[in-house]
Amino acid sequence: MNSLDFSSDQAIFDNLEAVTFTSVRNAGNRSVDAADVTFEYVTLKEAAASRGVYQAGDVNFSIRTELLADLGGAKPRDTVTRETDGQTYTVLTAVAGTITRCWNLTCRNLILAADLRSTGTLSRPSNAQDAAGRPTLGSYSDVASGIACRVQPESSSATDAQGRRQMPKRYTTYLGTQVDVRAKDRFVSDGQTYTVLEVRSPERIDELMSLVLERITP
């Protein structure tokens, strides 16, 4: 007896979305396009029933199982990008429907959820050395630009350096995308230039990568 397969029903729904599904992997991400994906916002009732796992701004996508077969299916941390507005959503939960033959994905737009209204550019110093063999920090090349971010100030205290009283100001910036960041990299946002002191990788799916920055003012 053949198993029931209602995956073709997906094509008759109204307001279908075209999206790009990306399977996030350590060895390199892989993506596929899907043209008949359903999209709807998580209801207040669904958010309440999840005991805080879902928020009212989260969304549900339904993607036919066969479209993701070559990727091994869907999993948390994968992403879905809508073609209509370019917004990218991170998969929080992925459930394979046995009858519908569709992956039911609950996702969150981390950029909107974290209120990342600014953009920044990450640049890296060259390997050039001065006459004493010390690395020079005068030449930088961009590593990534247009990074959605939010820079917020942390506590700071005055110190004496090179005979001057200075105020190193520390900040934390949250990034909308994962980037390769190293100590002494430079981050520029809203006309301000910062030095990267520390990189913090997210420990949960719904958290963002963050950087500890420093800006020295006299």
C-alpha atoms as a PDB file:
ATOM      1  CA  MET A   1       0.000   0.000   0.000  1.00  0.00           C
ATOM      2  CA  ASN A   2       1.430   3.336  -1.035  1.00  0.00           C
ATOM      3  CA  SER A   3       1.855   6.020   1.624  1.00  0.00           C
ATOM      4  CA  LEU A   4      -0.246   9.155   1.320  1.00  0.00           C
ATOM      5  CA  ASP A   5       1.435  12.107  -0.371  1.00  0.00           C
ATOM      6  CA  PHE A   6      -0.221  15.514  -0.257  1.00  0.00           C
ATOM      7  CA  SER A   7       2.849  17.532  -1.246  1.00  0.00           C
ATOM      8  CA  SER A   8       1.197  18.589  -4.526  1.00  0.00           C
ATOM      9  CA  ASP A   9      -1.452  20.424  -2.490  1.00  0.00           C
ATOM     10  CA  GLN A  10       1.195  23.044  -1.698  1.00  0.00           C
ATOM     11  CA  ALA A  11       0.927  24.437  -5.232  1.00  0.00           C
ATOM     12  CA  ILE A  12      -2.765  25.375  -4.906  1.00  0.00           C
ATOM     13  CA  PHE A  13      -2.408  27.632  -1.848  1.00  0.00           C
ATOM     14  CA  ASP A  14      -2.738  31.405  -2.239  1.00  0.00           C
ATOM     15  CA  ASN A  15       0.088  33.898  -1.652  1.00  0.00           C
ATOM     16  CA  LEU A  16       2.916  31.479  -2.334  1.00  0.00           C
ATOM     17  CA  GLU A  17       6.456  32.785  -1.805  1.00  0.00           C
ATOM     18  CA  ALA A  18       9.682  32.324  -3.746  1.00  0.00           C
ATOM     19  CA  VAL A  19      12.578  31.778  -1.341  1.00  0.00           C
ATOM     20  CA  THR A  20      16.162  30.609  -1.160  1.00  0.00           C
ATOM     21  CA  PHE A  21      16.756  27.920   1.445  1.00  0.00           C
ATOM     22  CA  THR A  22      20.331  27.678   2.740  1.00  0.00           C
ATOM     23  CA  SER A  23      21.667  24.655   4.567  1.00  0.00           C
ATOM     24  CA  VAL A  24      24.307  25.974   6.967  1.00  0.00           C
ATOM     25  CA  ARG A  25      27.338  23.696   7.201  1.00  0.00           C
ATOM     26  CA  ASN A  26      30.875  23.848   8.566  1.00  0.00           C
ATOM     27  CA  ALA A  27      32.228  22.571   5.243  1.00  0.00           C
ATOM     28  CA  GLY A  28      30.380  25.229   3.236  1.00  0.00           C
ATOM     29  CA  ASN A  29      26.757  26.275   2.913  1.00  0.00           C
ATOM     30  CA  ARG A  30      24.503  24.889   0.168  1.00  0.00           C
ATOM     31  CA  SER A  31      21.382  26.586  -1.192  1.00  0.00           C
ATOM     32  CA  VAL A  32      18.318  25.712  -3.264  1.00  0.00           C
ATOM     33  CA  ASP A  33      15.524  27.872  -4.663  1.00  0.00           C
ATOM     34  CA  ALA A  34      11.860  27.114  -3.995  1.00  0.00           C
ATOM     35  CA  ALA A  35       9.011  28.924  -5.759  1.00  0.00           C
ATOM     36  CA  ASP A  36       5.923  27.543  -3.972  1.00  0.00           C
ATOM     37  CA  VAL A  37       6.538  28.123  -0.275  1.00  0.00           C
ATOM     38  CA  THR A  38       3.776  29.127   2.136  1.00  0.00           C
ATOM     39  CA  PHE A  39       4.472  31.963   4.562  1.00  0.00           C
ATOM     40  CA  GLU A  40       2.558  33.109   7.623  1.00  0.00           C
ATOM     41  CA  TYR A  41       3.283  34.847  10.892  1.00  0.00           C
ATOM     42  CA  VAL A  42       3.264  32.991  14.188  1.00  0.00           C
ATOM     43  CA  THR A  43       0.051  33.799  16.038  1.00  0.00           C
ATOM     44  CA  LEU A  44      -0.067  35.118  19.600  1.00  0.00           C
ATOM     45  CA  LYS A  45      -1.632  31.805  20.599  1.00  0.00           C
ATOM     46  CA  GLU A  46       1.268  29.847  19.080  1.00  0.00           C
ATOM     47  CA  ALA A  47       3.808  32.113  20.776  1.00  0.00           C
ATOM     48  CA  ALA A  48       2.099  31.699  24.164  1.00  0.00           C
ATOM     49  CA  ALA A  49       1.872  27.922  23.791  1.00  0.00           C
ATOM     50  CA  SER A  50       5.624  27.695  23.118  1.00  0.00           C
ATOM     51  CA  ARG A  51       6.422  29.126  26.588  1.00  0.00           C
ATOM     52  CA  GLY A  52       8.633  31.856  25.211  1.00  0.00           C
ATOM     53  CA  VAL A  53      10.427  29.859  22.513  1.00  0.00           C
ATOM     54  CA  TYR A  54       8.560  31.713  19.752  1.00  0.00           C
ATOM     55  CA  GLN A  55       7.854  35.433  19.470  1.00  0.00           C
ATOM     56  CA  ALA A  56       4.898  37.149  17.827  1.00  0.00           C
ATOM     57  CA  GLY A  57       7.177  38.376  15.027  1.00  0.00           C
ATOM     58  CA  ASP A  58       8.367  34.880  14.112  1.00  0.00           C
ATOM     59  CA  VAL A  59       7.140  33.236  10.899  1.00  0.00           C
ATOM     60  CA  ASN A  60       6.251  29.794   9.601  1.00  0.00           C
ATOM     61  CA  PHE A  61       7.435  28.495   6.229  1.00  0.00           C
ATOM     62  CA  SER A  62       6.287  25.285   4.566  1.00  0.00           C
ATOM     63  CA  ILE A  63       8.646  23.832   1.940  1.00  0.00           C
ATOM     64  CA  ARG A  64       8.091  20.613  -0.005  1.00  0.00           C
ATOM     65  CA  THR A  65      10.273  17.786   1.317  1.00  0.00           C
ATOM     66  CA  GLU A  66      11.542  16.803  -2.134  1.00  0.00           C
ATOM     67  CA  LEU A  67      13.087  20.231  -2.665  1.00  0.00           C
ATOM     68  CA  LEU A  68      15.379  19.747   0.334  1.00  0.00           C
ATOM     69  CA  ALA A  69      16.128  16.061  -0.220  1.00  0.00           C
ATOM     70  CA  ASP A  70      19.592  16.665  -1.709  1.00  0.00           C
ATOM     71  CA  LEU A  71      20.474  18.817   1.298  1.00  0.00           C
ATOM     72  CA  GLY A  72      19.480  16.142   3.799  1.00  0.00           C
ATOM     73  CA  GLY A  73      16.397  18.077   4.883  1.00  0.00           C
ATOM     74  CA  ALA A  74      16.126  21.096   7.155  1.00  0.00           C
ATOM     75  CA  LYS A  75      17.577  21.728  10.609  1.00  0.00           C
ATOM     76  CA  PRO A  76      17.819  24.538  13.150  1.00  0.00           C
ATOM     77  CA  ARG A  77      20.272  27.333  12.191  1.00  0.00           C
ATOM     78  CA  ASP A  78      19.538  26.940   8.456  1.00  0.00           C
ATOM     79  CA  THR A  79      18.188  30.091   6.815  1.00  0.00           C
ATOM     80  CA  VAL A  80      15.313  31.065   4.522  1.00  0.00           C
ATOM     81  CA  THR A  81      15.557  34.249   2.410  1.00  0.00           C
ATOM     82  CA  ARG A  82      12.401  35.730   0.885  1.00  0.00           C
ATOM     83  CA  GLU A  83      12.730  36.873  -2.723  1.00  0.00           C
ATOM     84  CA  THR A  84      10.129  39.635  -2.271  1.00  0.00           C
ATOM     85  CA  ASP A  85      12.066  41.727   0.240  1.00  0.00           C
ATOM     86  CA  GLY A  86      15.411  39.977   0.733  1.00  0.00           C
ATOM     87  CA  GLN A  87      14.760  39.397   4.431  1.00  0.00           C
ATOM     88  CA  THR A  88      16.603  36.387   5.879  1.00  0.00           C
ATOM     89  CA  TYR A  89      15.117  34.199   8.607  1.00  0.00           C
ATOM     90  CA  THR A  90      16.944  31.716  10.821  1.00  0.00           C
ATOM     91  CA  VAL A  91      15.292  28.333  11.365  1.00  0.00           C
ATOM     92  CA  LEU A  92      14.447  27.760  15.043  1.00  0.00           C
ATOM     93  CA  THR A  93      12.595  24.464  14.653  1.00  0.00           C
ATOM     94  CA  ALA A  94      12.176  22.119  11.671  1.00  0.00           C
ATOM     95  CA  VAL A  95       9.485  19.434  11.569  1.00  0.00           C
ATOM     96  CA  ALA A  96       9.008  17.045   8.635  1.00  0.00           C
ATOM     97  CA  GLY A  97       5.328  16.392   7.909  1.00  0.00           C
ATOM     98  CA  THR A  98       4.786  12.720   7.085  1.00  0.00           C
ATOM     99  CA  ILE A  99       1.410  13.265   5.363  1.00  0.00           C
ATOM    100  CA  THR A 100       1.886  16.737   3.913  1.00  0.00           C
ATOM    101  CA  ARG A 101       5.412  15.805   2.730  1.00  0.00           C
ATOM    102  CA  CYS A 102       6.529  19.308   3.611  1.00  0.00           C
ATOM    103  CA  TRP A 103       9.047  20.721   6.038  1.00  0.00           C
ATOM    104  CA  ASN A 104       7.332  23.005   8.541  1.00  0.00           C
ATOM    105  CA  LEU A 105       9.856  25.623   9.634  1.00  0.00           C
ATOM    106  CA  THR A 106       9.434  28.174  12.406  1.00  0.00           C
ATOM    107  CA  CYS A 107      11.908  30.978  11.804  1.00  0.00           C
ATOM    108  CA  ARG A 108      13.028  34.324  13.190  1.00  0.00           C
ATOM    109  CA  ASN A 109      14.441  37.404  11.519  1.00  0.00           C
ATOM    110  CA  LEU A 110      17.311  38.038  13.937  1.00  0.00           C
ATOM    111  CA  ILE A 111      18.117  41.427  12.402  1.00  0.00           C
ATOM    112  CA  LEU A 112      14.625  42.751  13.144  1.00  0.00           C
ATOM    113  CA  ALA A 113      14.370  41.014  16.510  1.00  0.00           C
ATOM    114  CA  ALA A 114      17.657  42.555  17.690  1.00  0.00           C
ATOM    115  CA  ASP A 115      16.819  45.999  16.250  1.00  0.00           C
ATOM    116  CA  LEU A 116      19.944  46.176  14.064  1.00  0.00           C
ATOM    117  CA  ARG A 117      19.338  49.542  12.398  1.00  0.00           C
ATOM    118  CA  SER A 118      22.922  50.460  11.509  1.00  0.00           C
ATOM    119  CA  THR A 119      25.461  48.971   9.137  1.00  0.00           C
ATOM    120  CA  GLY A 120      29.185  48.538   9.592  1.00  0.00           C
ATOM    121  CA  THR A 121      32.387  47.680   7.728  1.00  0.00           C
ATOM    122  CA  LEU A 122      35.033  45.303   9.035  1.00  0.00           C
ATOM    123  CA  SER A 123      38.605  45.831   7.835  1.00  0.00           C
ATOM    124  CA  ARG A 124      41.923  44.141   8.607  1.00  0.00           C
ATOM    125  CA  PRO A 125      45.453  45.593   8.922  1.00  0.00           C
ATOM    126  CA  SER A 126      48.101  44.561   6.465  1.00  0.00           C
ATOM    127  CA  ASN A 127      51.092  42.407   7.400  1.00  0.00           C
ATOM    128  CA  ALA A 128      53.499  45.266   6.757  1.00  0.00           C
ATOM    129  CA  GLN A 129      56.229  45.971   9.343  1.00  0.00           C
ATOM    130  CA  ASP A 130      58.041  49.116  10.371  1.00  0.00           C
ATOM    131  CA  ALA A 131      61.827  49.532  10.534  1.00  0.00           C
ATOM    132  CA  ALA A 132      61.919  47.825  13.947  1.00  0.00           C
ATOM    133  CA  GLY A 133      60.021  44.803  12.675  1.00  0.00           C
ATOM    134  CA  ARG A 134      56.804  45.727  14.447  1.00  0.00           C
ATOM    135  CA  PRO A 135      53.455  45.349  12.605  1.00  0.00           C
ATOM    136  CA  THR A 136      52.097  48.614  11.264  1.00  0.00           C
ATOM    137  CA  LEU A 137      48.405  49.414  11.493  1.00  0.00           C
ATOM    138  CA  GLY A 138      48.322  52.148   8.892  1.00  0.00           C
ATOM    139  CA  SER A 139      46.977  50.105   5.973  1.00  0.00           C
ATOM    140  CA  TYR A 140      43.641  48.273   6.111  1.00  0.00           C
ATOM    141  CA  SER A 141      41.626  46.253   3.616  1.00  0.00           C
ATOM    142  CA  ASP A 142      37.900  45.590   3.891  1.00  0.00           C
ATOM    143  CA  VAL A 143      36.860  42.090   4.949  1.00  0.00           C
ATOM    144  CA  ALA A 144      33.070  42.636   4.923  1.00  0.00           C
ATOM    145  CA  SER A 145      30.827  45.651   4.403  1.00  0.00           C
ATOM    146  CA  GLY A 146      27.146  46.471   4.821  1.00  0.00           C
ATOM    147  CA  ILE A 147      26.927  44.350   7.981  1.00  0.00           C
ATOM    148  CA  ALA A 148      23.673  44.955   9.852  1.00  0.00           C
ATOM    149  CA  CYS A 149      24.661  45.889  13.405  1.00  0.00           C
ATOM    150  CA  ARG A 150      23.830  47.686  16.642  1.00  0.00           C
ATOM    151  CA  VAL A 151      26.613  49.318  18.668  1.00  0.00           C
ATOM    152  CA  GLN A 152      25.907  49.979  22.331  1.00  0.00           C
ATOM    153  CA  PRO A 153      28.250  51.581  24.893  1.00  0.00           C
ATOM    154  CA  GLU A 154      29.648  49.776  27.930  1.00  0.00           C
ATOM    155  CA  SER A 155      31.334  51.165  31.044  1.00  0.00           C
ATOM    156  CA  SER A 156      34.736  52.889  30.776  1.00  0.00           C
ATOM    157  CA  SER A 157      37.304  54.570  33.023  1.00  0.00           C
ATOM    158  CA  ALA A 158      40.101  57.069  32.475  1.00  0.00           C
ATOM    159  CA  THR A 159      43.706  55.817  32.194  1.00  0.00           C
ATOM    160  CA  ASP A 160      47.138  57.354  31.637  1.00  0.00           C
ATOM    161  CA  ALA A 161      48.877  56.350  28.401  1.00  0.00           C
ATOM    162  CA  GLN A 162      51.939  57.920  26.763  1.00  0.00           C
ATOM    163  CA  GLY A 163      51.851  60.839  29.164  1.00  0.00           C
ATOM    164  CA  ARG A 164      48.213  61.675  28.431  1.00  0.00           C
ATOM    165  CA  ARG A 165      44.989  61.168  30.333  1.00  0.00           C
ATOM    166  CA  GLN A 166      42.733  59.125  28.036  1.00  0.00           C
ATOM    167  CA  MET A 167      39.288  57.638  28.174  1.00  0.00           C
ATOM    168  CA  PRO A 168      39.106  54.231  26.429  1.00  0.00           C
ATOM    169  CA  LYS A 169      35.449  53.696  25.702  1.00  0.00           C
ATOM    170  CA  ARG A 170      34.233  50.133  25.252  1.00  0.00           C
ATOM    171  CA  TYR A 171      31.263  49.044  23.216  1.00  0.00           C
ATOM    172  CA  THR A 172      29.449  45.858  22.282  1.00  0.00           C
ATOM    173  CA  THR A 173      28.188  45.485  18.739  1.00  0.00           C
ATOM    174  CA  TYR A 174      25.794  42.786  17.598  1.00  0.00           C
ATOM    175  CA  LEU A 175      26.157  41.569  14.007  1.00  0.00           C
ATOM    176  CA  GLY A 176      23.398  40.324  11.746  1.00  0.00           C
ATOM    177  CA  THR A 177      25.720  37.888   9.951  1.00  0.00           C
ATOM    178  CA  GLN A 178      28.615  35.646  10.902  1.00  0.00           C
ATOM    179  CA  VAL A 179      31.949  37.071   9.749  1.00  0.00           C
ATOM    180  CA  ASP A 180      35.601  36.129  10.152  1.00  0.00           C
ATOM    181  CA  VAL A 181      36.872  38.547  12.801  1.00  0.00           C
ATOM    182  CA  ARG A 182      40.321  38.790  14.375  1.00  0.00           C
ATOM    183  CA  ALA A 183      41.862  40.853  17.134  1.00  0.00           C
ATOM    184  CA  LYS A 184      43.090  44.299  15.984  1.00  0.00           C
ATOM    185  CA  ASP A 185      40.589  44.346  13.134  1.00  0.00           C
ATOM    186  CA  ARG A 186      38.856  47.673  12.667  1.00  0.00           C
ATOM    187  CA  PHE A 187      35.078  48.185  12.690  1.00  0.00           C
ATOM    188  CA  VAL A 188      33.486  51.364  11.311  1.00  0.00           C
ATOM    189  CA  SER A 189      29.830  52.243  11.872  1.00  0.00           C
ATOM    190  CA  ASP A 190      27.932  55.563  11.729  1.00  0.00           C
ATOM    191  CA  GLY A 191      31.161  57.449  11.117  1.00  0.00           C
ATOM    192  CA  GLN A 192      32.901  56.045  14.219  1.00  0.00           C
ATOM    193  CA  THR A 193      35.995  53.814  14.089  1.00  0.00           C
ATOM    194  CA  TYR A 194      36.583  51.093  16.670  1.00  0.00           C
ATOM    195  CA  THR A 195      39.267  48.498  17.399  1.00  0.00           C
ATOM    196  CA  VAL A 196      38.128  44.889  17.894  1.00  0.00           C
ATOM    197  CA  LEU A 197      39.175  43.531  21.304  1.00  0.00           C
ATOM    198  CA  GLU A 198      37.135  40.352  21.554  1.00  0.00           C
ATOM    199  CA  VAL A 199      34.854  38.125  19.471  1.00  0.00           C
ATOM    200  CA  ARG A 200      31.876  36.373  21.033  1.00  0.00           C
ATOM    201  CA  SER A 201      30.248  33.559  19.108  1.00  0.00           C
ATOM    202  CA  PRO A 202      26.540  32.827  19.746  1.00  0.00           C
ATOM    203  CA  GLU A 203      25.781  29.908  22.056  1.00  0.00           C
ATOM    204  CA  ARG A 204      22.144  29.609  20.949  1.00  0.00           C
ATOM    205  CA  ILE A 205      20.355  29.702  17.618  1.00  0.00           C
ATOM    206  CA  ASP A 206      18.422  32.853  18.515  1.00  0.00           C
ATOM    207  CA  GLU A 207      21.554  34.770  19.555  1.00  0.00           C
ATOM    208  CA  LEU A 208      23.810  36.925  17.391  1.00  0.00           C
ATOM    209  CA  MET A 209      27.551  37.114  17.023  1.00  0.00           C
ATOM    210  CA  SER A 210      28.955  40.079  18.973  1.00  0.00           C
ATOM    211  CA  LEU A 211      32.214  42.024  19.194  1.00  0.00           C
ATOM    212  CA  VAL A 212      33.793  43.915  22.068  1.00  0.00           C
ATOM    213  CA  LEU A 213      35.095  47.201  20.650  1.00  0.00           C
ATOM    214  CA  GLU A 214      37.214  50.062  21.919  1.00  0.00           C
ATOM    215  CA  ARG A 215      37.381  53.702  20.902  1.00  0.00           C
ATOM    216  CA  ILE A 216      39.967  55.915  22.600  1.00  0.00           C
ATOM    217  CA  THR A 217      39.181  59.589  23.120  1.00  0.00           C
ATOM    218  CA  PRO A 218      41.438  62.140  24.833  1.00  0.00           C
END
